């Protein structure tokens, strides 16, 4: 059971890190400067991954999860429109 949880965490971290790497690379190539990519990386390190497990246990879990998903979809749409 512990091995399965560890594997899930490692896979999620790899997926998240890979997706962020793609985004940081896109920011660097789109801007042509290193500073925006460094700023994005610093903000990502500061905010981290949304705490989905904590949000699911919160008394307003539905609101938190829905607004987080709206933010993720809005970010994805904004990035896709600027490509």
C-alpha atoms as a PDB file:
ATOM      1  CA  UNK A   1       0.000   0.000   0.000  1.00  0.00           C
ATOM      2  CA  UNK A   2       2.812   2.401   0.894  1.00  0.00           C
ATOM      3  CA  UNK A   3       4.612   1.575  -2.359  1.00  0.00           C
ATOM      4  CA  UNK A   4       1.489   2.436  -4.386  1.00  0.00           C
ATOM      5  CA  UNK A   5       1.127   5.804  -2.645  1.00  0.00           C
ATOM      6  CA  UNK A   6       4.803   6.561  -3.221  1.00  0.00           C
ATOM      7  CA  UNK A   7       4.502   5.629  -6.891  1.00  0.00           C
ATOM      8  CA  UNK A   8       1.446   7.880  -7.289  1.00  0.00           C
ATOM      9  CA  UNK A   9       3.252  10.802  -5.679  1.00  0.00           C
ATOM     10  CA  UNK A  10       6.342  10.337  -7.828  1.00  0.00           C
ATOM     11  CA  UNK A  11       4.264  10.086 -11.028  1.00  0.00           C
ATOM     12  CA  UNK A  12       2.308  13.223 -10.140  1.00  0.00           C
ATOM     13  CA  UNK A  13       5.498  15.119  -9.353  1.00  0.00           C
ATOM     14  CA  UNK A  14       7.059  14.023 -12.657  1.00  0.00           C
ATOM     15  CA  UNK A  15       3.959  15.081 -14.590  1.00  0.00           C
ATOM     16  CA  UNK A  16       3.747  18.430 -12.806  1.00  0.00           C
ATOM     17  CA  UNK A  17       7.463  19.121 -13.222  1.00  0.00           C
ATOM     18  CA  UNK A  18       7.393  18.192 -16.908  1.00  0.00           C
ATOM     19  CA  UNK A  19       4.374  20.403 -17.613  1.00  0.00           C
ATOM     20  CA  UNK A  20       5.982  23.295 -15.761  1.00  0.00           C
ATOM     21  CA  UNK A  21       9.230  22.786 -17.685  1.00  0.00           C
ATOM     22  CA  UNK A  22       7.334  23.027 -20.958  1.00  0.00           C
ATOM     23  CA  UNK A  23       5.641  26.209 -19.779  1.00  0.00           C
ATOM     24  CA  UNK A  24       8.874  27.823 -18.556  1.00  0.00           C
ATOM     25  CA  UNK A  25      10.541  26.955 -21.864  1.00  0.00           C
ATOM     26  CA  UNK A  26       7.618  28.473 -23.770  1.00  0.00           C
ATOM     27  CA  UNK A  27       7.872  31.650 -21.650  1.00  0.00           C
ATOM     28  CA  UNK A  28      11.601  31.870 -22.355  1.00  0.00           C
ATOM     29  CA  UNK A  29      11.255  31.387 -26.114  1.00  0.00           C
ATOM     30  CA  UNK A  30       8.192  33.652 -26.363  1.00  0.00           C
ATOM     31  CA  UNK A  31       9.835  36.524 -24.529  1.00  0.00           C
ATOM     32  CA  UNK A  32      13.398  35.978 -25.697  1.00  0.00           C
ATOM     33  CA  UNK A  33      14.610  36.850 -22.195  1.00  0.00           C
ATOM     34  CA  UNK A  34      15.587  34.758 -19.197  1.00  0.00           C
ATOM     35  CA  UNK A  35      14.057  37.053 -16.563  1.00  0.00           C
ATOM     36  CA  UNK A  36      10.379  36.145 -17.225  1.00  0.00           C
ATOM     37  CA  UNK A  37      11.166  32.420 -17.066  1.00  0.00           C
ATOM     38  CA  UNK A  38      13.048  32.911 -13.782  1.00  0.00           C
ATOM     39  CA  UNK A  39      10.134  34.957 -12.394  1.00  0.00           C
ATOM     40  CA  UNK A  40       7.625  32.254 -13.384  1.00  0.00           C
ATOM     41  CA  UNK A  41       9.831  29.627 -11.761  1.00  0.00           C
ATOM     42  CA  UNK A  42      10.130  31.661  -8.550  1.00  0.00           C
ATOM     43  CA  UNK A  43       6.351  32.161  -8.374  1.00  0.00           C
ATOM     44  CA  UNK A  44       5.744  28.464  -8.993  1.00  0.00           C
ATOM     45  CA  UNK A  45       8.158  27.564  -6.188  1.00  0.00           C
ATOM     46  CA  UNK A  46       6.458  30.057  -3.864  1.00  0.00           C
ATOM     47  CA  UNK A  47       2.863  28.948  -4.548  1.00  0.00           C
ATOM     48  CA  UNK A  48       3.515  25.253  -5.129  1.00  0.00           C
ATOM     49  CA  UNK A  49       0.924  22.705  -6.181  1.00  0.00           C
ATOM     50  CA  UNK A  50      -2.676  23.427  -5.125  1.00  0.00           C
ATOM     51  CA  UNK A  51      -3.472  21.426  -1.958  1.00  0.00           C
ATOM     52  CA  UNK A  52      -6.236  19.300  -3.512  1.00  0.00           C
ATOM     53  CA  UNK A  53      -6.451  16.879  -0.552  1.00  0.00           C
ATOM     54  CA  UNK A  54      -6.926  19.729   1.928  1.00  0.00           C
ATOM     55  CA  UNK A  55      -9.457  21.395  -0.363  1.00  0.00           C
ATOM     56  CA  UNK A  56     -11.442  18.143  -0.596  1.00  0.00           C
ATOM     57  CA  UNK A  57     -11.763  18.005   3.233  1.00  0.00           C
ATOM     58  CA  UNK A  58     -12.740  21.680   3.604  1.00  0.00           C
ATOM     59  CA  UNK A  59     -16.379  22.548   4.406  1.00  0.00           C
ATOM     60  CA  UNK A  60     -16.579  24.477   1.106  1.00  0.00           C
ATOM     61  CA  UNK A  61     -14.704  21.863  -0.875  1.00  0.00           C
ATOM     62  CA  UNK A  62     -16.925  22.068  -3.940  1.00  0.00           C
ATOM     63  CA  UNK A  63     -16.392  25.828  -4.260  1.00  0.00           C
ATOM     64  CA  UNK A  64     -12.627  25.515  -3.789  1.00  0.00           C
ATOM     65  CA  UNK A  65     -12.258  22.704  -6.311  1.00  0.00           C
ATOM     66  CA  UNK A  66     -14.527  24.346  -8.909  1.00  0.00           C
ATOM     67  CA  UNK A  67     -12.754  27.715  -8.697  1.00  0.00           C
ATOM     68  CA  UNK A  68      -9.359  26.002  -8.884  1.00  0.00           C
ATOM     69  CA  UNK A  69     -10.441  24.110 -12.008  1.00  0.00           C
ATOM     70  CA  UNK A  70     -11.807  27.334 -13.534  1.00  0.00           C
ATOM     71  CA  UNK A  71      -8.415  28.950 -12.893  1.00  0.00           C
ATOM     72  CA  UNK A  72      -6.557  26.032 -14.482  1.00  0.00           C
ATOM     73  CA  UNK A  73      -8.844  26.052 -17.526  1.00  0.00           C
ATOM     74  CA  UNK A  74      -8.569  29.839 -17.831  1.00  0.00           C
ATOM     75  CA  UNK A  75      -4.780  29.637 -17.683  1.00  0.00           C
ATOM     76  CA  UNK A  76      -4.760  26.889 -20.318  1.00  0.00           C
ATOM     77  CA  UNK A  77      -7.044  28.936 -22.576  1.00  0.00           C
ATOM     78  CA  UNK A  78      -4.927  32.089 -22.162  1.00  0.00           C
ATOM     79  CA  UNK A  79      -1.750  30.209 -23.051  1.00  0.00           C
ATOM     80  CA  UNK A  80      -3.356  28.508 -26.052  1.00  0.00           C
ATOM     81  CA  UNK A  81      -4.657  31.835 -27.400  1.00  0.00           C
ATOM     82  CA  UNK A  82      -1.213  33.397 -27.286  1.00  0.00           C
ATOM     83  CA  UNK A  83       0.556  30.582 -29.141  1.00  0.00           C
END
